[in-house]
Every structure is written in C-alpha cells, then in structure tokens.
Amino acid sequence: MARFLVFAAWTPEDAALWNSRWMAEQTIHLAAGAEAVAVEGGDAVRETLESALEEDSALEGVALFGHGLTHAVMGSDAREALDAGNAACVGPRWAHAMACNTGVALVPSCAGHPGLFIGYDVRLIVEWTVEELPGALRELLVRLVTATTLGLLAGVRARIDLQRRAAAAADELTAWVIENAEDGYLGVLVLAQQLVDRMVVSR
C-alpha cells in the first residue's frame, strides 16, 4: 500500500485557506488503496514537515496545501515550511505543492534534487464556496483538484502524462459548466485551466 504525507497548513482565522483544507481532505478521501499521513492545522510547520519526511522512509511523496510564495510553501505559522533550504529532505520522493506561485522559483530551484517537484507559476484561483456549488459540479471539482496527486500515487511521473490527467478532469468540468450553468462559475473555470497550463515540474 502506498503511503504519502498530506501537509495542510490552515488556521480557523484564515478564510483564504478553507478551500485549501477542503482540497486536502478530498485528496485523502479519494486516495483509495493508499495510506495518508496527515499533518495539518497548527502542526503544519517546517519542523514537523522535516521530521515526518526524515523519520518515515515509507513515505512515497508529499502533497502540500496552503499559502505559497514564489520560493516556498508556507506553514500555518506564516513561516516557510518548504523552500530551497530544506527541499533535500524530500529525498527521492515526489512533492506536489497545491499552492500559489510555487512554480516560479521553488520548483525550478529543486531541479537538481532526486525527487520530483510540482507546483504552479500563478496565483491559483480558489475563491469559491464549496457549499454553494451544485453537487455535480462539486464532484467534478473534486476530480480536478485531486487528479495530479492521485496520478503521482499511481506511479505517473512524466509531465505530459500528469498534465493529460489534469486536462481530462478540467475538460469534464468545463463541459458541465458550459452545458448547465448560465451564470457560469468563472473562478472554477480559471482554476481548471491553471492546474493544466500553469503546472511546472522540476524534471
């Protein structure tokens, strides 16, 4: 059974991270056949991330959720949790940062590491309220935001193949919105494109 780490940085006071937390929860839920080790909330800080990766050799990868800067994934304490200074602790594993702008500098800075790093070179649009989405659209959104991590868990490593998986989920979501939503869901549609077109892979 695959074993992976879910690092979800959020605080009750930071509404901007509620959707990030939801995406982490959906990833755990859909990772059938895999064992997710969760580090979340106030525990999601640099020291805990490093300890988890260094002490658990069975971890195949880490999915990170939270605020992102060009050079780092931020922890719940508003400090850098993963950056070039501690990226080596990922080792030969994969790391998927579902966080804004991490593809600008963080992912390229990790190109020399043996692991596979994935991020996005844009501010991700996650400004929607899950409870207000139609059920069918919510299910499609779940598939979208989990597609890349689930692909990594399935052994997919090539950038083009990861993008294809994300694109398939994005196309399904976009088709549903075009057919069913007169008012549209612009933020969700933008995110669907971002998770395909703005994906950055370290190698």
C-alpha atoms as a PDB file:
ATOM      1  CA  MET A   1       0.000   0.000   0.000  1.00  0.00           C
ATOM      2  CA  ALA A   2       1.341   3.411  -0.983  1.00  0.00           C
ATOM      3  CA  ARG A   3       1.954   5.761   1.918  1.00  0.00           C
ATOM      4  CA  PHE A   4       2.111   9.526   1.483  1.00  0.00           C
ATOM      5  CA  LEU A   5       2.134  12.685   3.554  1.00  0.00           C
ATOM      6  CA  VAL A   6      -0.579  15.333   3.371  1.00  0.00           C
ATOM      7  CA  PHE A   7       0.707  18.663   4.689  1.00  0.00           C
ATOM      8  CA  ALA A   8      -2.237  21.059   5.060  1.00  0.00           C
ATOM      9  CA  ALA A   9      -1.459  24.453   6.558  1.00  0.00           C
ATOM     10  CA  TRP A  10      -4.533  26.320   7.767  1.00  0.00           C
ATOM     11  CA  THR A  11      -5.868  28.240  10.729  1.00  0.00           C
ATOM     12  CA  PRO A  12      -9.513  28.902  11.664  1.00  0.00           C
ATOM     13  CA  GLU A  13      -8.897  32.624  11.254  1.00  0.00           C
ATOM     14  CA  ASP A  14      -7.635  32.399   7.662  1.00  0.00           C
ATOM     15  CA  ALA A  15     -10.686  32.046   5.418  1.00  0.00           C
ATOM     16  CA  ALA A  16      -8.435  32.012   2.358  1.00  0.00           C
ATOM     17  CA  LEU A  17      -7.251  28.545   3.369  1.00  0.00           C
ATOM     18  CA  TRP A  18     -10.657  26.936   3.919  1.00  0.00           C
ATOM     19  CA  ASN A  19     -10.790  25.716   0.326  1.00  0.00           C
ATOM     20  CA  SER A  20      -7.181  24.584   0.562  1.00  0.00           C
ATOM     21  CA  ARG A  21      -8.099  22.498   3.592  1.00  0.00           C
ATOM     22  CA  TRP A  22     -11.083  21.082   1.682  1.00  0.00           C
ATOM     23  CA  MET A  23      -8.828  20.051  -1.205  1.00  0.00           C
ATOM     24  CA  ALA A  24      -6.521  18.259   1.218  1.00  0.00           C
ATOM     25  CA  GLU A  25      -9.480  16.419   2.738  1.00  0.00           C
ATOM     26  CA  GLN A  26     -10.724  15.339  -0.690  1.00  0.00           C
ATOM     27  CA  THR A  27      -7.266  14.073  -1.605  1.00  0.00           C
ATOM     28  CA  ILE A  28      -7.204  11.876   1.487  1.00  0.00           C
ATOM     29  CA  HIS A  29     -10.735  10.662   0.798  1.00  0.00           C
ATOM     30  CA  LEU A  30     -10.080   9.709  -2.825  1.00  0.00           C
ATOM     31  CA  ALA A  31      -6.677   8.119  -2.277  1.00  0.00           C
ATOM     32  CA  ALA A  32      -8.201   4.656  -2.163  1.00  0.00           C
ATOM     33  CA  GLY A  33      -5.632   1.969  -1.583  1.00  0.00           C
ATOM     34  CA  ALA A  34      -3.128   4.474  -0.193  1.00  0.00           C
ATOM     35  CA  GLU A  35      -2.374   5.420   3.387  1.00  0.00           C
ATOM     36  CA  ALA A  36      -2.384   9.153   4.018  1.00  0.00           C
ATOM     37  CA  VAL A  37      -0.421  10.557   6.938  1.00  0.00           C
ATOM     38  CA  ALA A  38      -1.904  13.967   7.746  1.00  0.00           C
ATOM     39  CA  VAL A  39      -0.032  16.907   9.210  1.00  0.00           C
ATOM     40  CA  GLU A  40      -2.487  19.766   9.390  1.00  0.00           C
ATOM     41  CA  GLY A  41      -3.640  22.894  11.132  1.00  0.00           C
ATOM     42  CA  GLY A  42      -1.280  24.230  13.757  1.00  0.00           C
ATOM     43  CA  ASP A  43       1.007  21.216  13.335  1.00  0.00           C
ATOM     44  CA  ALA A  44       1.725  22.097   9.707  1.00  0.00           C
ATOM     45  CA  VAL A  45       5.029  23.902  10.193  1.00  0.00           C
ATOM     46  CA  ARG A  46       8.565  23.493   8.872  1.00  0.00           C
ATOM     47  CA  GLU A  47       9.919  21.409  11.742  1.00  0.00           C
ATOM     48  CA  THR A  48       7.042  18.926  11.620  1.00  0.00           C
ATOM     49  CA  LEU A  49       7.322  18.559   7.854  1.00  0.00           C
ATOM     50  CA  GLU A  50      11.046  17.903   8.066  1.00  0.00           C
ATOM     51  CA  SER A  51      10.637  15.378  10.877  1.00  0.00           C
ATOM     52  CA  ALA A  52       7.892  13.487   9.062  1.00  0.00           C
ATOM     53  CA  LEU A  53       9.940  13.200   5.879  1.00  0.00           C
ATOM     54  CA  GLU A  54      13.180  12.313   7.634  1.00  0.00           C
ATOM     55  CA  GLU A  55      11.722   9.755  10.053  1.00  0.00           C
ATOM     56  CA  ASP A  56       9.283   7.882   7.806  1.00  0.00           C
ATOM     57  CA  SER A  57      11.187   6.194   4.997  1.00  0.00           C
ATOM     58  CA  ALA A  58       7.984   4.510   3.780  1.00  0.00           C
ATOM     59  CA  LEU A  59       6.521   7.796   2.557  1.00  0.00           C
ATOM     60  CA  GLU A  60       6.445   7.865  -1.251  1.00  0.00           C
ATOM     61  CA  GLY A  61       5.595  11.528  -1.564  1.00  0.00           C
ATOM     62  CA  VAL A  62       4.064  14.619  -0.027  1.00  0.00           C
ATOM     63  CA  ALA A  63       1.074  16.685  -1.102  1.00  0.00           C
ATOM     64  CA  LEU A  64       1.270  20.218   0.262  1.00  0.00           C
ATOM     65  CA  PHE A  65      -1.661  22.599   0.686  1.00  0.00           C
ATOM     66  CA  GLY A  66      -1.511  26.178   1.933  1.00  0.00           C
ATOM     67  CA  HIS A  67      -0.333  29.620   1.004  1.00  0.00           C
ATOM     68  CA  GLY A  68       2.519  29.745  -1.473  1.00  0.00           C
ATOM     69  CA  LEU A  69       5.140  32.303  -2.396  1.00  0.00           C
ATOM     70  CA  THR A  70       7.463  32.119  -5.364  1.00  0.00           C
ATOM     71  CA  HIS A  71      10.148  30.482  -3.220  1.00  0.00           C
ATOM     72  CA  ALA A  72       8.194  28.484  -0.648  1.00  0.00           C
ATOM     73  CA  VAL A  73       5.136  26.692   0.628  1.00  0.00           C
ATOM     74  CA  MET A  74       4.139  28.433   3.823  1.00  0.00           C
ATOM     75  CA  GLY A  75       3.256  26.770   7.101  1.00  0.00           C
ATOM     76  CA  SER A  76       0.345  27.591   9.372  1.00  0.00           C
ATOM     77  CA  ASP A  77       2.696  29.811  11.378  1.00  0.00           C
ATOM     78  CA  ALA A  78       3.261  32.031   8.301  1.00  0.00           C
ATOM     79  CA  ARG A  79       6.882  30.855   8.019  1.00  0.00           C
ATOM     80  CA  GLU A  80       8.436  28.962   5.119  1.00  0.00           C
ATOM     81  CA  ALA A  81       7.671  25.256   5.538  1.00  0.00           C
ATOM     82  CA  LEU A  82       9.294  24.008   2.323  1.00  0.00           C
ATOM     83  CA  ASP A  83      11.863  26.010   0.400  1.00  0.00           C
ATOM     84  CA  ALA A  84      15.237  25.503  -1.249  1.00  0.00           C
ATOM     85  CA  GLY A  85      16.849  25.323   2.177  1.00  0.00           C
ATOM     86  CA  ASN A  86      15.120  22.113   3.217  1.00  0.00           C
ATOM     87  CA  ALA A  87      13.948  20.633  -0.100  1.00  0.00           C
ATOM     88  CA  ALA A  88      16.600  17.929   0.243  1.00  0.00           C
ATOM     89  CA  CYS A  89      14.501  16.303   2.974  1.00  0.00           C
ATOM     90  CA  VAL A  90      12.046  15.252   0.262  1.00  0.00           C
ATOM     91  CA  GLY A  91      14.769  12.911  -0.973  1.00  0.00           C
ATOM     92  CA  PRO A  92      13.806  10.759  -3.974  1.00  0.00           C
ATOM     93  CA  ARG A  93      10.088  11.230  -3.327  1.00  0.00           C
ATOM     94  CA  TRP A  94       7.593  13.377  -5.195  1.00  0.00           C
ATOM     95  CA  ALA A  95       6.260  16.652  -3.799  1.00  0.00           C
ATOM     96  CA  HIS A  96       3.116  18.294  -5.158  1.00  0.00           C
ATOM     97  CA  ALA A  97       2.539  21.847  -3.938  1.00  0.00           C
ATOM     98  CA  MET A  98      -1.069  22.884  -4.452  1.00  0.00           C
ATOM     99  CA  ALA A  99      -0.076  26.417  -3.553  1.00  0.00           C
ATOM    100  CA  CYS A 100       0.173  29.720  -5.388  1.00  0.00           C
ATOM    101  CA  ASN A 101       3.302  30.710  -7.304  1.00  0.00           C
ATOM    102  CA  THR A 102       5.481  27.798  -6.166  1.00  0.00           C
ATOM    103  CA  GLY A 103       6.306  27.014  -9.787  1.00  0.00           C
ATOM    104  CA  VAL A 104       8.008  30.384 -10.235  1.00  0.00           C
ATOM    105  CA  ALA A 105      11.152  29.771  -8.168  1.00  0.00           C
ATOM    106  CA  LEU A 106      10.690  26.897  -5.708  1.00  0.00           C
ATOM    107  CA  VAL A 107      10.157  24.115  -8.248  1.00  0.00           C
ATOM    108  CA  PRO A 108      12.969  25.257 -10.593  1.00  0.00           C
ATOM    109  CA  SER A 109      15.332  25.516  -7.606  1.00  0.00           C
ATOM    110  CA  CYS A 110      14.669  21.830  -6.895  1.00  0.00           C
ATOM    111  CA  ALA A 111      15.634  20.620 -10.368  1.00  0.00           C
ATOM    112  CA  GLY A 112      18.913  19.226  -9.051  1.00  0.00           C
ATOM    113  CA  HIS A 113      17.263  17.100  -6.376  1.00  0.00           C
ATOM    114  CA  PRO A 114      16.465  13.426  -6.995  1.00  0.00           C
ATOM    115  CA  GLY A 115      12.806  13.935  -6.151  1.00  0.00           C
ATOM    116  CA  LEU A 116      10.050  15.193  -8.463  1.00  0.00           C
ATOM    117  CA  PHE A 117       8.650  18.594  -7.521  1.00  0.00           C
ATOM    118  CA  ILE A 118       5.411  20.019  -8.942  1.00  0.00           C
ATOM    119  CA  GLY A 119       3.936  23.484  -8.467  1.00  0.00           C
ATOM    120  CA  TYR A 120       2.156  26.267 -10.342  1.00  0.00           C
ATOM    121  CA  ASP A 121       3.600  29.530 -11.627  1.00  0.00           C
ATOM    122  CA  VAL A 122       0.479  31.587 -10.949  1.00  0.00           C
ATOM    123  CA  ARG A 123      -1.801  32.686  -8.134  1.00  0.00           C
ATOM    124  CA  LEU A 124      -4.329  29.876  -8.025  1.00  0.00           C
ATOM    125  CA  ILE A 125      -7.962  30.975  -8.022  1.00  0.00           C
ATOM    126  CA  VAL A 126      -9.737  29.207  -5.179  1.00  0.00           C
ATOM    127  CA  GLU A 127     -12.300  31.907  -4.450  1.00  0.00           C
ATOM    128  CA  TRP A 128     -15.450  29.803  -4.412  1.00  0.00           C
ATOM    129  CA  THR A 129     -17.682  28.463  -1.660  1.00  0.00           C
ATOM    130  CA  VAL A 130     -17.924  24.684  -1.753  1.00  0.00           C
ATOM    131  CA  GLU A 131     -21.369  24.597  -0.144  1.00  0.00           C
ATOM    132  CA  GLU A 132     -22.786  26.873  -2.852  1.00  0.00           C
ATOM    133  CA  LEU A 133     -21.679  24.696  -5.766  1.00  0.00           C
ATOM    134  CA  PRO A 134     -24.161  22.286  -7.383  1.00  0.00           C
ATOM    135  CA  GLY A 135     -23.494  18.706  -6.345  1.00  0.00           C
ATOM    136  CA  ALA A 136     -22.468  17.578  -9.829  1.00  0.00           C
ATOM    137  CA  LEU A 137     -20.036  20.470 -10.184  1.00  0.00           C
ATOM    138  CA  ARG A 138     -18.604  19.829  -6.746  1.00  0.00           C
ATOM    139  CA  GLU A 139     -17.885  16.218  -7.702  1.00  0.00           C
ATOM    140  CA  LEU A 140     -16.134  17.352 -10.879  1.00  0.00           C
ATOM    141  CA  LEU A 141     -14.118  19.877  -8.890  1.00  0.00           C
ATOM    142  CA  VAL A 142     -13.006  17.113  -6.530  1.00  0.00           C
ATOM    143  CA  ARG A 143     -11.727  15.108  -9.502  1.00  0.00           C
ATOM    144  CA  LEU A 144      -9.909  18.161 -10.807  1.00  0.00           C
ATOM    145  CA  VAL A 145      -8.082  19.154  -7.629  1.00  0.00           C
ATOM    146  CA  THR A 146      -7.038  15.577  -6.845  1.00  0.00           C
ATOM    147  CA  ALA A 147      -6.072  14.440 -10.359  1.00  0.00           C
ATOM    148  CA  THR A 148      -2.351  15.188 -10.179  1.00  0.00           C
ATOM    149  CA  THR A 149      -1.717  13.816  -6.698  1.00  0.00           C
ATOM    150  CA  LEU A 150      -3.683  10.664  -7.484  1.00  0.00           C
ATOM    151  CA  GLY A 151      -1.658  10.318 -10.674  1.00  0.00           C
ATOM    152  CA  LEU A 152       1.559  10.509  -8.684  1.00  0.00           C
ATOM    153  CA  LEU A 153       0.250   7.860  -6.310  1.00  0.00           C
ATOM    154  CA  ALA A 154      -0.481   5.688  -9.353  1.00  0.00           C
ATOM    155  CA  GLY A 155       3.131   5.979 -10.484  1.00  0.00           C
ATOM    156  CA  VAL A 156       2.744   8.667 -13.155  1.00  0.00           C
ATOM    157  CA  ARG A 157       5.874  10.813 -13.344  1.00  0.00           C
ATOM    158  CA  ALA A 158       6.117  12.394 -16.811  1.00  0.00           C
ATOM    159  CA  ARG A 159       4.945  15.995 -17.001  1.00  0.00           C
ATOM    160  CA  ILE A 160       2.920  15.413 -20.158  1.00  0.00           C
ATOM    161  CA  ASP A 161       1.082  12.476 -18.585  1.00  0.00           C
ATOM    162  CA  LEU A 162       0.324  14.398 -15.399  1.00  0.00           C
ATOM    163  CA  GLN A 163      -0.985  17.286 -17.486  1.00  0.00           C
ATOM    164  CA  ARG A 164      -3.153  14.929 -19.504  1.00  0.00           C
ATOM    165  CA  ARG A 165      -4.775  13.626 -16.344  1.00  0.00           C
ATOM    166  CA  ALA A 166      -5.425  17.149 -15.126  1.00  0.00           C
ATOM    167  CA  ALA A 167      -6.690  18.177 -18.571  1.00  0.00           C
ATOM    168  CA  ALA A 168      -9.184  15.309 -18.692  1.00  0.00           C
ATOM    169  CA  ALA A 169     -10.664  16.426 -15.368  1.00  0.00           C
ATOM    170  CA  ALA A 170     -10.603  20.077 -16.454  1.00  0.00           C
ATOM    171  CA  ASP A 171     -12.390  19.281 -19.716  1.00  0.00           C
ATOM    172  CA  GLU A 172     -15.148  17.395 -17.888  1.00  0.00           C
ATOM    173  CA  LEU A 173     -15.685  20.279 -15.503  1.00  0.00           C
ATOM    174  CA  THR A 174     -15.653  22.886 -18.268  1.00  0.00           C
ATOM    175  CA  ALA A 175     -18.132  20.927 -20.369  1.00  0.00           C
ATOM    176  CA  TRP A 176     -20.522  20.667 -17.424  1.00  0.00           C
ATOM    177  CA  VAL A 177     -20.370  24.404 -16.748  1.00  0.00           C
ATOM    178  CA  ILE A 178     -20.984  25.256 -20.409  1.00  0.00           C
ATOM    179  CA  GLU A 179     -23.973  22.940 -20.569  1.00  0.00           C
ATOM    180  CA  ASN A 180     -25.560  23.577 -17.197  1.00  0.00           C
ATOM    181  CA  ALA A 181     -24.611  26.940 -15.745  1.00  0.00           C
ATOM    182  CA  GLU A 182     -25.949  30.026 -17.475  1.00  0.00           C
ATOM    183  CA  ASP A 183     -24.281  32.335 -14.983  1.00  0.00           C
ATOM    184  CA  GLY A 184     -21.028  30.417 -15.204  1.00  0.00           C
ATOM    185  CA  TYR A 185     -18.501  29.755 -12.495  1.00  0.00           C
ATOM    186  CA  LEU A 186     -15.602  31.826 -13.715  1.00  0.00           C
ATOM    187  CA  GLY A 187     -13.297  31.158 -10.777  1.00  0.00           C
ATOM    188  CA  VAL A 188     -13.713  27.408 -11.069  1.00  0.00           C
ATOM    189  CA  LEU A 189     -13.157  27.549 -14.833  1.00  0.00           C
ATOM    190  CA  VAL A 190      -9.987  29.595 -14.379  1.00  0.00           C
ATOM    191  CA  LEU A 191      -8.657  27.129 -11.803  1.00  0.00           C
ATOM    192  CA  ALA A 192      -9.327  24.270 -14.214  1.00  0.00           C
ATOM    193  CA  GLN A 193      -7.077  25.900 -16.806  1.00  0.00           C
ATOM    194  CA  GLN A 194      -4.432  26.887 -14.276  1.00  0.00           C
ATOM    195  CA  LEU A 195      -3.984  23.342 -12.984  1.00  0.00           C
ATOM    196  CA  VAL A 196      -3.156  22.252 -16.527  1.00  0.00           C
ATOM    197  CA  ASP A 197      -1.470  25.151 -18.286  1.00  0.00           C
ATOM    198  CA  ARG A 198       0.470  26.592 -15.344  1.00  0.00           C
ATOM    199  CA  MET A 199       1.809  23.315 -13.973  1.00  0.00           C
ATOM    200  CA  VAL A 200       5.588  23.333 -13.509  1.00  0.00           C
ATOM    201  CA  VAL A 201       7.564  20.120 -12.999  1.00  0.00           C
ATOM    202  CA  SER A 202      11.175  20.053 -11.820  1.00  0.00           C
ATOM    203  CA  ARG A 203      12.272  17.427 -14.336  1.00  0.00           C
END
